[in-house]
Amino acid sequence: MEKRTLGSTNLSVAPLAFGGNVFGWTADEATSFTLLDAFVDAGFNLIDTADTYSHWVPGNKGGESETIIGKWLKKSGKRDQVIIATKLGSTQTPGRKGNLSRDYMQKTVEESLQRLQTDYIDLYQSHYDDSQTPIEETLASFGDLIEAGKVGYIGASNFSPERLKQSLEISKKEGFPSYKTLQPEYNLYDREEYETQYVPLVSEYGLSVISYYSLASGFLTGKYRSEADLTKSQRGQGVKKYLNDRGQRILKALDEVADQYNATQAQVSLAWLMAQPGIGAPIASATSVKQVEDITKAADLNLDKAAVDKLTTASAY
């Protein structure tokens, strides 16, 4: 399987990331262990999570995903086989507002390391921008964490193009560590914002993209084709916005390409993303070993130009 280097780092990843938002939510601890084993045993190594996952579940307080990953790392002994990407700076609970200040970063990195049961985080990402903290303070703090060996590299998620560019320029000018990856929403349906506003930055600064909602909350698996299908899972209501003419055009093209390659719609959707310039690894989640087997096969699906073009045209915005 082709490995990809994330930006100007020494992190070499298989071209699919496991989305850890399901751990402690739709996958309990035992199921999560099974999913992680299946993912890594299939040759994949990038696991993406955040310190807030999965705080939205009744009874959870945030940190459950990291805790489960940490227990799995300890039990499996596979720490040196995986690249752990986590995030900080998102609001965890009503009483704790996430930010990117020095004090908060120093505190929250220790909490993540403890939950993950590791002494370093391969890729530490700013989950959201923090306009109240000077960019210089955030980047200098990342520098301290890298110098201390607690963090390998840094990435950004959910930044505006303007603030991302500003951060990258300050890093260059002041000698601070620089964001090496970008985690935006990007998939076959949600293309316009990323392609029009971020692609130039990704190209100019040599960033690698780790896209989230890579399957558009499950819509691009082909499972949801009408409002009657929305009851099929806990995430169904989030798919309603895709059930329009453009969405149906995309599904039709996915069906045709899937038939051509004897593949699933999910595999084709992920393969299309993997074929886009600058993409390091799309993020996808799974809650069963069968789903892990499905999504990991996308890495071996090399779509020809005609198939990529068909999907690109059908999803034109």
C-alpha atoms as a PDB file:
ATOM      1  CA  MET A   1       0.000   0.000   0.000  1.00  0.00           C
ATOM      2  CA  GLU A   2       1.221   3.474  -0.886  1.00  0.00           C
ATOM      3  CA  LYS A   3       2.202   5.506   2.181  1.00  0.00           C
ATOM      4  CA  ARG A   4       2.035   9.298   2.192  1.00  0.00           C
ATOM      5  CA  THR A   5       4.195  11.763   4.108  1.00  0.00           C
ATOM      6  CA  LEU A   6       2.255  14.404   6.005  1.00  0.00           C
ATOM      7  CA  GLY A   7       3.564  17.783   4.832  1.00  0.00           C
ATOM      8  CA  SER A   8       7.214  18.395   5.702  1.00  0.00           C
ATOM      9  CA  THR A   9       7.205  15.886   8.566  1.00  0.00           C
ATOM     10  CA  ASN A  10       8.691  12.426   8.971  1.00  0.00           C
ATOM     11  CA  LEU A  11       5.209  10.999   9.571  1.00  0.00           C
ATOM     12  CA  SER A  12       4.432   8.363   6.962  1.00  0.00           C
ATOM     13  CA  VAL A  13       0.790   7.316   6.903  1.00  0.00           C
ATOM     14  CA  ALA A  14      -1.421   4.887   5.057  1.00  0.00           C
ATOM     15  CA  PRO A  15      -3.941   7.033   3.136  1.00  0.00           C
ATOM     16  CA  LEU A  16      -6.892   6.665   5.525  1.00  0.00           C
ATOM     17  CA  ALA A  17      -7.326   7.876   9.102  1.00  0.00           C
ATOM     18  CA  PHE A  18      -9.611   6.245  11.640  1.00  0.00           C
ATOM     19  CA  GLY A  19     -11.998   8.807  13.136  1.00  0.00           C
ATOM     20  CA  GLY A  20     -11.994   8.334  16.903  1.00  0.00           C
ATOM     21  CA  ASN A  21     -15.189  10.313  17.502  1.00  0.00           C
ATOM     22  CA  VAL A  22     -17.107   7.009  17.716  1.00  0.00           C
ATOM     23  CA  PHE A  23     -15.102   5.688  20.678  1.00  0.00           C
ATOM     24  CA  GLY A  24     -17.203   6.059  23.805  1.00  0.00           C
ATOM     25  CA  TRP A  25     -20.221   6.997  21.688  1.00  0.00           C
ATOM     26  CA  THR A  26     -21.472   4.475  19.109  1.00  0.00           C
ATOM     27  CA  ALA A  27     -18.616   2.059  19.910  1.00  0.00           C
ATOM     28  CA  ASP A  28     -18.082   0.907  23.503  1.00  0.00           C
ATOM     29  CA  GLU A  29     -14.629   0.069  24.840  1.00  0.00           C
ATOM     30  CA  ALA A  30     -14.571  -3.597  23.794  1.00  0.00           C
ATOM     31  CA  THR A  31     -15.864  -2.795  20.299  1.00  0.00           C
ATOM     32  CA  SER A  32     -13.347   0.066  19.969  1.00  0.00           C
ATOM     33  CA  PHE A  33     -10.457  -2.292  20.767  1.00  0.00           C
ATOM     34  CA  THR A  34     -11.666  -4.706  18.067  1.00  0.00           C
ATOM     35  CA  LEU A  35     -12.023  -1.896  15.513  1.00  0.00           C
ATOM     36  CA  LEU A  36      -8.555  -0.506  16.231  1.00  0.00           C
ATOM     37  CA  ASP A  37      -6.978  -3.952  15.948  1.00  0.00           C
ATOM     38  CA  ALA A  38      -8.733  -4.570  12.625  1.00  0.00           C
ATOM     39  CA  PHE A  39      -7.644  -1.167  11.276  1.00  0.00           C
ATOM     40  CA  VAL A  40      -3.977  -1.559  12.252  1.00  0.00           C
ATOM     41  CA  ASP A  41      -3.821  -5.231  11.222  1.00  0.00           C
ATOM     42  CA  ALA A  42      -5.001  -4.123   7.750  1.00  0.00           C
ATOM     43  CA  GLY A  43      -1.858  -1.966   7.467  1.00  0.00           C
ATOM     44  CA  PHE A  44      -3.234   1.429   8.534  1.00  0.00           C
ATOM     45  CA  ASN A  45      -1.678   3.623  11.188  1.00  0.00           C
ATOM     46  CA  LEU A  46      -3.267   7.085  11.565  1.00  0.00           C
ATOM     47  CA  ILE A  47      -5.789   7.499  14.391  1.00  0.00           C
ATOM     48  CA  ASP A  48      -7.466  10.888  14.771  1.00  0.00           C
ATOM     49  CA  THR A  49      -9.244  12.000  17.925  1.00  0.00           C
ATOM     50  CA  ALA A  50      -9.710  15.071  20.141  1.00  0.00           C
ATOM     51  CA  ASP A  51      -9.676  15.848  23.840  1.00  0.00           C
ATOM     52  CA  THR A  52     -13.413  16.656  23.701  1.00  0.00           C
ATOM     53  CA  TYR A  53     -14.647  13.392  22.140  1.00  0.00           C
ATOM     54  CA  SER A  54     -17.283  12.265  23.018  1.00  0.00           C
ATOM     55  CA  HIS A  55     -18.623  14.921  25.404  1.00  0.00           C
ATOM     56  CA  TRP A  56     -21.978  15.148  23.549  1.00  0.00           C
ATOM     57  CA  VAL A  57     -23.095  11.735  24.816  1.00  0.00           C
ATOM     58  CA  PRO A  58     -25.325  11.920  27.919  1.00  0.00           C
ATOM     59  CA  GLY A  59     -23.206  11.013  30.947  1.00  0.00           C
ATOM     60  CA  ASN A  60     -19.888  11.701  29.189  1.00  0.00           C
ATOM     61  CA  LYS A  61     -17.643  14.630  30.086  1.00  0.00           C
ATOM     62  CA  GLY A  62     -15.139  14.562  27.207  1.00  0.00           C
ATOM     63  CA  GLY A  63     -11.892  12.629  26.955  1.00  0.00           C
ATOM     64  CA  GLU A  64     -13.599   9.246  26.567  1.00  0.00           C
ATOM     65  CA  SER A  65     -12.148   8.646  23.097  1.00  0.00           C
ATOM     66  CA  GLU A  66      -8.563   9.363  24.197  1.00  0.00           C
ATOM     67  CA  THR A  67      -9.066   7.191  27.274  1.00  0.00           C
ATOM     68  CA  ILE A  68     -10.209   4.221  25.183  1.00  0.00           C
ATOM     69  CA  ILE A  69      -7.321   4.681  22.725  1.00  0.00           C
ATOM     70  CA  GLY A  70      -4.897   4.850  25.675  1.00  0.00           C
ATOM     71  CA  LYS A  71      -6.227   1.603  27.175  1.00  0.00           C
ATOM     72  CA  TRP A  72      -5.976  -0.049  23.761  1.00  0.00           C
ATOM     73  CA  LEU A  73      -2.384   1.184  23.287  1.00  0.00           C
ATOM     74  CA  LYS A  74      -1.415  -0.271  26.661  1.00  0.00           C
ATOM     75  CA  LYS A  75      -3.184  -3.593  26.101  1.00  0.00           C
ATOM     76  CA  SER A  76      -2.102  -4.087  22.476  1.00  0.00           C
ATOM     77  CA  GLY A  77       1.470  -2.814  22.749  1.00  0.00           C
ATOM     78  CA  LYS A  78       1.026  -1.176  19.332  1.00  0.00           C
ATOM     79  CA  ARG A  79       2.131   2.386  20.215  1.00  0.00           C
ATOM     80  CA  ASP A  80       5.102   2.234  17.826  1.00  0.00           C
ATOM     81  CA  GLN A  81       2.837   1.028  14.992  1.00  0.00           C
ATOM     82  CA  VAL A  82       0.497   4.007  15.042  1.00  0.00           C
ATOM     83  CA  ILE A  83       0.468   7.750  14.601  1.00  0.00           C
ATOM     84  CA  ILE A  84      -1.768   9.450  17.148  1.00  0.00           C
ATOM     85  CA  ALA A  85      -3.334  12.743  16.069  1.00  0.00           C
ATOM     86  CA  THR A  86      -5.384  14.559  18.670  1.00  0.00           C
ATOM     87  CA  LYS A  87      -6.743  18.079  19.051  1.00  0.00           C
ATOM     88  CA  LEU A  88      -7.071  20.762  21.688  1.00  0.00           C
ATOM     89  CA  GLY A  89      -8.866  24.067  22.076  1.00  0.00           C
ATOM     90  CA  SER A  90     -12.487  23.053  21.631  1.00  0.00           C
ATOM     91  CA  THR A  91     -15.008  23.766  24.369  1.00  0.00           C
ATOM     92  CA  GLN A  92     -15.386  20.604  26.404  1.00  0.00           C
ATOM     93  CA  THR A  93     -18.147  21.365  28.876  1.00  0.00           C
ATOM     94  CA  PRO A  94     -20.219  24.449  29.709  1.00  0.00           C
ATOM     95  CA  GLY A  95     -17.833  25.146  32.582  1.00  0.00           C
ATOM     96  CA  ARG A  96     -14.633  24.831  30.580  1.00  0.00           C
ATOM     97  CA  LYS A  97     -13.988  26.957  27.527  1.00  0.00           C
ATOM     98  CA  GLY A  98     -11.285  25.640  25.243  1.00  0.00           C
ATOM     99  CA  ASN A  99      -8.625  28.047  24.005  1.00  0.00           C
ATOM    100  CA  LEU A 100      -5.067  28.197  22.688  1.00  0.00           C
ATOM    101  CA  SER A 101      -3.411  30.153  25.514  1.00  0.00           C
ATOM    102  CA  ARG A 102      -0.090  29.016  27.007  1.00  0.00           C
ATOM    103  CA  ASP A 103      -1.583  28.063  30.378  1.00  0.00           C
ATOM    104  CA  TYR A 104      -4.457  26.100  28.865  1.00  0.00           C
ATOM    105  CA  MET A 105      -2.179  24.279  26.401  1.00  0.00           C
ATOM    106  CA  GLN A 106       0.294  23.245  29.094  1.00  0.00           C
ATOM    107  CA  LYS A 107      -2.537  21.849  31.209  1.00  0.00           C
ATOM    108  CA  THR A 108      -4.516  20.139  28.473  1.00  0.00           C
ATOM    109  CA  VAL A 109      -1.533  18.401  26.844  1.00  0.00           C
ATOM    110  CA  GLU A 110      -0.779  16.671  30.135  1.00  0.00           C
ATOM    111  CA  GLU A 111      -4.397  15.525  30.394  1.00  0.00           C
ATOM    112  CA  SER A 112      -4.327  14.122  26.857  1.00  0.00           C
ATOM    113  CA  LEU A 113      -1.010  12.347  27.440  1.00  0.00           C
ATOM    114  CA  GLN A 114      -2.366  10.802  30.624  1.00  0.00           C
ATOM    115  CA  ARG A 115      -5.550   9.587  28.941  1.00  0.00           C
ATOM    116  CA  LEU A 116      -3.629   8.272  25.923  1.00  0.00           C
ATOM    117  CA  GLN A 117      -1.104   6.555  28.244  1.00  0.00           C
ATOM    118  CA  THR A 118       1.793   7.777  26.108  1.00  0.00           C
ATOM    119  CA  ASP A 119       4.581  10.296  26.599  1.00  0.00           C
ATOM    120  CA  TYR A 120       4.224  11.956  23.185  1.00  0.00           C
ATOM    121  CA  ILE A 121       1.565  12.976  20.659  1.00  0.00           C
ATOM    122  CA  ASP A 122       2.638  12.577  17.025  1.00  0.00           C
ATOM    123  CA  LEU A 123       0.366  15.310  15.633  1.00  0.00           C
ATOM    124  CA  TYR A 124      -1.219  17.897  17.941  1.00  0.00           C
ATOM    125  CA  GLN A 125      -3.874  20.001  16.218  1.00  0.00           C
ATOM    126  CA  SER A 126      -5.568  23.280  17.075  1.00  0.00           C
ATOM    127  CA  HIS A 127      -9.192  22.152  16.956  1.00  0.00           C
ATOM    128  CA  TYR A 128     -10.575  25.678  16.562  1.00  0.00           C
ATOM    129  CA  ASP A 129      -8.979  29.082  16.206  1.00  0.00           C
ATOM    130  CA  ASP A 130      -8.724  31.287  19.300  1.00  0.00           C
ATOM    131  CA  SER A 131      -8.981  34.951  18.350  1.00  0.00           C
ATOM    132  CA  GLN A 132      -8.510  36.037  21.977  1.00  0.00           C
ATOM    133  CA  THR A 133      -4.968  34.640  22.254  1.00  0.00           C
ATOM    134  CA  PRO A 134      -2.113  36.143  20.217  1.00  0.00           C
ATOM    135  CA  ILE A 135      -1.021  33.749  17.459  1.00  0.00           C
ATOM    136  CA  GLU A 136       2.577  34.189  18.642  1.00  0.00           C
ATOM    137  CA  GLU A 137       1.676  32.893  22.121  1.00  0.00           C
ATOM    138  CA  THR A 138       0.007  29.786  20.697  1.00  0.00           C
ATOM    139  CA  LEU A 139       2.854  28.965  18.325  1.00  0.00           C
ATOM    140  CA  ALA A 140       5.526  29.611  20.977  1.00  0.00           C
ATOM    141  CA  SER A 141       3.639  27.280  23.332  1.00  0.00           C
ATOM    142  CA  PHE A 142       3.554  24.587  20.667  1.00  0.00           C
ATOM    143  CA  GLY A 143       7.297  25.134  20.331  1.00  0.00           C
ATOM    144  CA  ASP A 144       7.773  24.472  24.057  1.00  0.00           C
ATOM    145  CA  LEU A 145       5.767  21.237  23.802  1.00  0.00           C
ATOM    146  CA  ILE A 146       7.820  20.088  20.803  1.00  0.00           C
ATOM    147  CA  GLU A 147      11.073  20.965  22.559  1.00  0.00           C
ATOM    148  CA  ALA A 148       9.957  19.000  25.608  1.00  0.00           C
ATOM    149  CA  GLY A 149       9.338  15.959  23.401  1.00  0.00           C
ATOM    150  CA  LYS A 150       5.642  15.863  24.221  1.00  0.00           C
ATOM    151  CA  VAL A 151       4.558  16.719  20.660  1.00  0.00           C
ATOM    152  CA  GLY A 152       6.036  15.778  17.297  1.00  0.00           C
ATOM    153  CA  TYR A 153       4.280  18.121  14.861  1.00  0.00           C
ATOM    154  CA  ILE A 154       1.326  20.482  14.806  1.00  0.00           C
ATOM    155  CA  GLY A 155      -1.731  20.910  12.610  1.00  0.00           C
ATOM    156  CA  ALA A 156      -4.769  23.187  12.322  1.00  0.00           C
ATOM    157  CA  SER A 157      -8.472  22.503  11.970  1.00  0.00           C
ATOM    158  CA  ASN A 158     -11.446  24.817  11.379  1.00  0.00           C
ATOM    159  CA  PHE A 159      -9.296  27.932  10.841  1.00  0.00           C
ATOM    160  CA  SER A 160     -10.435  30.626   8.435  1.00  0.00           C
ATOM    161  CA  PRO A 161      -8.142  30.904   5.388  1.00  0.00           C
ATOM    162  CA  GLU A 162      -7.028  34.359   6.576  1.00  0.00           C
ATOM    163  CA  ARG A 163      -6.059  33.207  10.073  1.00  0.00           C
ATOM    164  CA  LEU A 164      -4.380  30.073   8.757  1.00  0.00           C
ATOM    165  CA  LYS A 165      -2.247  32.134   6.371  1.00  0.00           C
ATOM    166  CA  GLN A 166      -1.429  34.582   9.157  1.00  0.00           C
ATOM    167  CA  SER A 167      -0.305  31.746  11.426  1.00  0.00           C
ATOM    168  CA  LEU A 168       1.849  30.193   8.707  1.00  0.00           C
ATOM    169  CA  GLU A 169       3.463  33.555   7.909  1.00  0.00           C
ATOM    170  CA  ILE A 170       4.206  34.283  11.590  1.00  0.00           C
ATOM    171  CA  SER A 171       5.818  30.846  11.939  1.00  0.00           C
ATOM    172  CA  LYS A 172       8.016  31.553   8.936  1.00  0.00           C
ATOM    173  CA  LYS A 173       8.973  35.054  10.072  1.00  0.00           C
ATOM    174  CA  GLU A 174       9.506  34.350  13.777  1.00  0.00           C
ATOM    175  CA  GLY A 175      10.911  30.827  13.552  1.00  0.00           C
ATOM    176  CA  PHE A 176       8.048  29.216  15.448  1.00  0.00           C
ATOM    177  CA  PRO A 177       6.899  25.685  14.627  1.00  0.00           C
ATOM    178  CA  SER A 178       4.551  25.686  11.663  1.00  0.00           C
ATOM    179  CA  TYR A 179       1.279  23.891  11.048  1.00  0.00           C
ATOM    180  CA  LYS A 180       2.044  20.916   8.790  1.00  0.00           C
ATOM    181  CA  THR A 181      -1.493  19.650   8.277  1.00  0.00           C
ATOM    182  CA  LEU A 182      -4.964  21.053   7.782  1.00  0.00           C
ATOM    183  CA  GLN A 183      -8.142  19.299   8.876  1.00  0.00           C
ATOM    184  CA  PRO A 184     -11.092  20.759   6.943  1.00  0.00           C
ATOM    185  CA  GLU A 185     -14.545  19.461   6.075  1.00  0.00           C
ATOM    186  CA  TYR A 186     -14.146  18.011   2.594  1.00  0.00           C
ATOM    187  CA  ASN A 187     -15.938  15.314   0.660  1.00  0.00           C
ATOM    188  CA  LEU A 188     -17.558  14.686  -2.712  1.00  0.00           C
ATOM    189  CA  TYR A 189     -20.572  16.811  -1.731  1.00  0.00           C
ATOM    190  CA  ASP A 190     -18.961  19.494   0.491  1.00  0.00           C
ATOM    191  CA  ARG A 191     -16.317  20.769  -1.909  1.00  0.00           C
ATOM    192  CA  GLU A 192     -16.771  24.420  -2.605  1.00  0.00           C
ATOM    193  CA  GLU A 193     -15.382  26.072   0.525  1.00  0.00           C
ATOM    194  CA  TYR A 194     -12.291  23.885   0.688  1.00  0.00           C
ATOM    195  CA  GLU A 195     -11.516  23.982  -3.033  1.00  0.00           C
ATOM    196  CA  THR A 196     -12.018  27.725  -3.469  1.00  0.00           C
ATOM    197  CA  GLN A 197     -10.539  29.000  -0.196  1.00  0.00           C
ATOM    198  CA  TYR A 198      -8.008  26.454   1.068  1.00  0.00           C
ATOM    199  CA  VAL A 199      -6.472  24.671  -1.916  1.00  0.00           C
ATOM    200  CA  PRO A 200      -4.216  27.661  -2.766  1.00  0.00           C
ATOM    201  CA  LEU A 201      -2.880  27.713   0.826  1.00  0.00           C
ATOM    202  CA  VAL A 202      -2.381  23.948   0.926  1.00  0.00           C
ATOM    203  CA  SER A 203      -0.400  24.192  -2.298  1.00  0.00           C
ATOM    204  CA  GLU A 204       1.629  27.275  -1.330  1.00  0.00           C
ATOM    205  CA  TYR A 205       2.662  26.024   2.109  1.00  0.00           C
ATOM    206  CA  GLY A 206       2.960  22.307   1.348  1.00  0.00           C
ATOM    207  CA  LEU A 207       0.309  21.253   3.858  1.00  0.00           C
ATOM    208  CA  SER A 208      -1.207  17.783   3.977  1.00  0.00           C
ATOM    209  CA  VAL A 209      -4.958  17.537   4.315  1.00  0.00           C
ATOM    210  CA  ILE A 210      -6.693  15.191   6.746  1.00  0.00           C
ATOM    211  CA  SER A 211     -10.322  15.719   5.775  1.00  0.00           C
ATOM    212  CA  TYR A 212     -13.223  15.197   8.157  1.00  0.00           C
ATOM    213  CA  TYR A 213     -16.816  14.238   7.260  1.00  0.00           C
ATOM    214  CA  SER A 214     -15.146  12.426   4.370  1.00  0.00           C
ATOM    215  CA  LEU A 215     -18.335  10.406   3.809  1.00  0.00           C
ATOM    216  CA  ALA A 216     -20.700  13.345   4.493  1.00  0.00           C
ATOM    217  CA  SER A 217     -22.045  11.822   7.729  1.00  0.00           C
ATOM    218  CA  GLY A 218     -22.706   8.561   5.887  1.00  0.00           C
ATOM    219  CA  PHE A 219     -24.583  10.015   2.907  1.00  0.00           C
ATOM    220  CA  LEU A 220     -21.788   9.004   0.513  1.00  0.00           C
ATOM    221  CA  THR A 221     -22.084   5.351   1.538  1.00  0.00           C
ATOM    222  CA  GLY A 222     -25.332   5.261  -0.457  1.00  0.00           C
ATOM    223  CA  LYS A 223     -27.254   4.146   2.623  1.00  0.00           C
ATOM    224  CA  TYR A 224     -29.532   7.189   2.672  1.00  0.00           C
ATOM    225  CA  ARG A 225     -31.560   7.806  -0.496  1.00  0.00           C
ATOM    226  CA  SER A 226     -34.819   9.187   0.840  1.00  0.00           C
ATOM    227  CA  GLU A 227     -36.214  10.697   4.039  1.00  0.00           C
ATOM    228  CA  ALA A 228     -37.493   7.239   4.977  1.00  0.00           C
ATOM    229  CA  ASP A 229     -33.851   6.106   5.261  1.00  0.00           C
ATOM    230  CA  LEU A 230     -32.946   8.740   7.856  1.00  0.00           C
ATOM    231  CA  THR A 231     -34.044   6.490  10.720  1.00  0.00           C
ATOM    232  CA  LYS A 232     -31.348   3.941   9.827  1.00  0.00           C
ATOM    233  CA  SER A 233     -28.818   5.315  12.318  1.00  0.00           C
ATOM    234  CA  GLN A 234     -28.208   7.866  15.059  1.00  0.00           C
ATOM    235  CA  ARG A 235     -26.558  10.108  12.463  1.00  0.00           C
ATOM    236  CA  GLY A 236     -29.447   9.952   9.993  1.00  0.00           C
ATOM    237  CA  GLN A 237     -30.891  13.412  10.630  1.00  0.00           C
ATOM    238  CA  GLY A 238     -27.544  14.983   9.753  1.00  0.00           C
ATOM    239  CA  VAL A 239     -27.922  13.604   6.233  1.00  0.00           C
ATOM    240  CA  LYS A 240     -31.230  15.286   5.398  1.00  0.00           C
ATOM    241  CA  LYS A 241     -29.514  18.336   3.873  1.00  0.00           C
ATOM    242  CA  TYR A 242     -27.913  16.132   1.184  1.00  0.00           C
ATOM    243  CA  LEU A 243     -31.215  14.762  -0.127  1.00  0.00           C
ATOM    244  CA  ASN A 244     -31.592  17.150  -3.060  1.00  0.00           C
ATOM    245  CA  ASP A 245     -31.067  17.042  -6.834  1.00  0.00           C
ATOM    246  CA  ARG A 246     -27.303  17.476  -6.567  1.00  0.00           C
ATOM    247  CA  GLY A 247     -27.113  14.782  -3.921  1.00  0.00           C
ATOM    248  CA  GLN A 248     -29.048  12.367  -6.133  1.00  0.00           C
ATOM    249  CA  ARG A 249     -26.721  13.137  -9.074  1.00  0.00           C
ATOM    250  CA  ILE A 250     -23.736  12.288  -6.872  1.00  0.00           C
ATOM    251  CA  LEU A 251     -25.330   9.013  -5.740  1.00  0.00           C
ATOM    252  CA  LYS A 252     -26.049   8.052  -9.357  1.00  0.00           C
ATOM    253  CA  ALA A 253     -22.399   8.632 -10.342  1.00  0.00           C
ATOM    254  CA  LEU A 254     -21.216   6.753  -7.243  1.00  0.00           C
ATOM    255  CA  ASP A 255     -23.451   3.815  -8.145  1.00  0.00           C
ATOM    256  CA  GLU A 256     -22.074   3.717 -11.698  1.00  0.00           C
ATOM    257  CA  VAL A 257     -18.416   3.884 -10.641  1.00  0.00           C
ATOM    258  CA  ALA A 258     -18.997   1.373  -7.827  1.00  0.00           C
ATOM    259  CA  ASP A 259     -20.506  -1.065 -10.354  1.00  0.00           C
ATOM    260  CA  GLN A 260     -17.611  -0.508 -12.750  1.00  0.00           C
ATOM    261  CA  TYR A 261     -15.007  -1.314 -10.075  1.00  0.00           C
ATOM    262  CA  ASN A 262     -17.039  -3.920  -8.161  1.00  0.00           C
ATOM    263  CA  ALA A 263     -16.619  -1.647  -5.131  1.00  0.00           C
ATOM    264  CA  THR A 264     -18.888   0.004  -2.579  1.00  0.00           C
ATOM    265  CA  GLN A 265     -20.008   3.635  -2.704  1.00  0.00           C
ATOM    266  CA  ALA A 266     -18.011   4.351   0.457  1.00  0.00           C
ATOM    267  CA  GLN A 267     -14.834   2.964  -1.132  1.00  0.00           C
ATOM    268  CA  VAL A 268     -15.384   5.042  -4.282  1.00  0.00           C
ATOM    269  CA  SER A 269     -16.070   8.235  -2.274  1.00  0.00           C
ATOM    270  CA  LEU A 270     -12.862   7.792  -0.276  1.00  0.00           C
ATOM    271  CA  ALA A 271     -10.847   6.841  -3.365  1.00  0.00           C
ATOM    272  CA  TRP A 272     -12.012  10.052  -5.072  1.00  0.00           C
ATOM    273  CA  LEU A 273     -10.751  12.039  -2.072  1.00  0.00           C
ATOM    274  CA  MET A 274      -7.434  10.161  -2.038  1.00  0.00           C
ATOM    275  CA  ALA A 275      -6.994  11.122  -5.703  1.00  0.00           C
ATOM    276  CA  GLN A 276      -7.228  14.853  -4.962  1.00  0.00           C
ATOM    277  CA  PRO A 277      -3.967  16.877  -4.725  1.00  0.00           C
ATOM    278  CA  GLY A 278      -2.702  17.577  -1.211  1.00  0.00           C
ATOM    279  CA  ILE A 279      -4.778  14.902   0.503  1.00  0.00           C
ATOM    280  CA  GLY A 280      -2.806  12.989   3.115  1.00  0.00           C
ATOM    281  CA  ALA A 281      -5.544  10.816   4.569  1.00  0.00           C
ATOM    282  CA  PRO A 282      -9.308  11.279   4.663  1.00  0.00           C
ATOM    283  CA  ILE A 283     -10.847  10.477   8.056  1.00  0.00           C
ATOM    284  CA  ALA A 284     -13.580   7.858   8.204  1.00  0.00           C
ATOM    285  CA  SER A 285     -15.214   6.153  11.168  1.00  0.00           C
ATOM    286  CA  ALA A 286     -16.532   2.634  11.581  1.00  0.00           C
ATOM    287  CA  THR A 287     -18.547   0.862  14.242  1.00  0.00           C
ATOM    288  CA  SER A 288     -18.097  -2.729  13.023  1.00  0.00           C
ATOM    289  CA  VAL A 289     -15.218  -4.805  11.672  1.00  0.00           C
ATOM    290  CA  LYS A 290     -17.212  -5.201   8.443  1.00  0.00           C
ATOM    291  CA  GLN A 291     -17.204  -1.407   8.028  1.00  0.00           C
ATOM    292  CA  VAL A 292     -13.447  -1.273   8.749  1.00  0.00           C
ATOM    293  CA  GLU A 293     -12.879  -3.882   6.026  1.00  0.00           C
ATOM    294  CA  ASP A 294     -15.047  -1.833   3.664  1.00  0.00           C
ATOM    295  CA  ILE A 295     -13.375   1.552   4.123  1.00  0.00           C
ATOM    296  CA  THR A 296      -9.793   0.235   4.187  1.00  0.00           C
ATOM    297  CA  LYS A 297     -10.274  -1.324   0.734  1.00  0.00           C
ATOM    298  CA  ALA A 298     -10.538   2.231  -0.633  1.00  0.00           C
ATOM    299  CA  ALA A 299      -6.755   2.535  -0.402  1.00  0.00           C
ATOM    300  CA  ASP A 300      -6.337  -0.148  -3.060  1.00  0.00           C
ATOM    301  CA  LEU A 301      -8.957   1.328  -5.367  1.00  0.00           C
ATOM    302  CA  ASN A 302      -7.116   3.319  -8.030  1.00  0.00           C
ATOM    303  CA  LEU A 303      -9.812   5.150  -9.973  1.00  0.00           C
ATOM    304  CA  ASP A 304      -8.896   6.012 -13.545  1.00  0.00           C
ATOM    305  CA  LYS A 305      -9.187   9.576 -14.809  1.00  0.00           C
ATOM    306  CA  ALA A 306     -12.569   8.952 -16.418  1.00  0.00           C
ATOM    307  CA  ALA A 307     -14.047   7.720 -13.138  1.00  0.00           C
ATOM    308  CA  VAL A 308     -12.588  10.627 -11.148  1.00  0.00           C
ATOM    309  CA  ASP A 309     -13.877  13.088 -13.766  1.00  0.00           C
ATOM    310  CA  LYS A 310     -17.353  11.506 -13.734  1.00  0.00           C
ATOM    311  CA  LEU A 311     -17.586  12.011  -9.946  1.00  0.00           C
ATOM    312  CA  THR A 312     -16.134  15.511 -10.114  1.00  0.00           C
ATOM    313  CA  THR A 313     -18.642  16.535 -12.801  1.00  0.00           C
ATOM    314  CA  ALA A 314     -21.632  14.979 -11.026  1.00  0.00           C
ATOM    315  CA  SER A 315     -20.730  16.842  -7.817  1.00  0.00           C
ATOM    316  CA  ALA A 316     -20.009  20.181  -9.494  1.00  0.00           C
ATOM    317  CA  TYR A 317     -21.139  23.156  -7.387  1.00  0.00           C
END
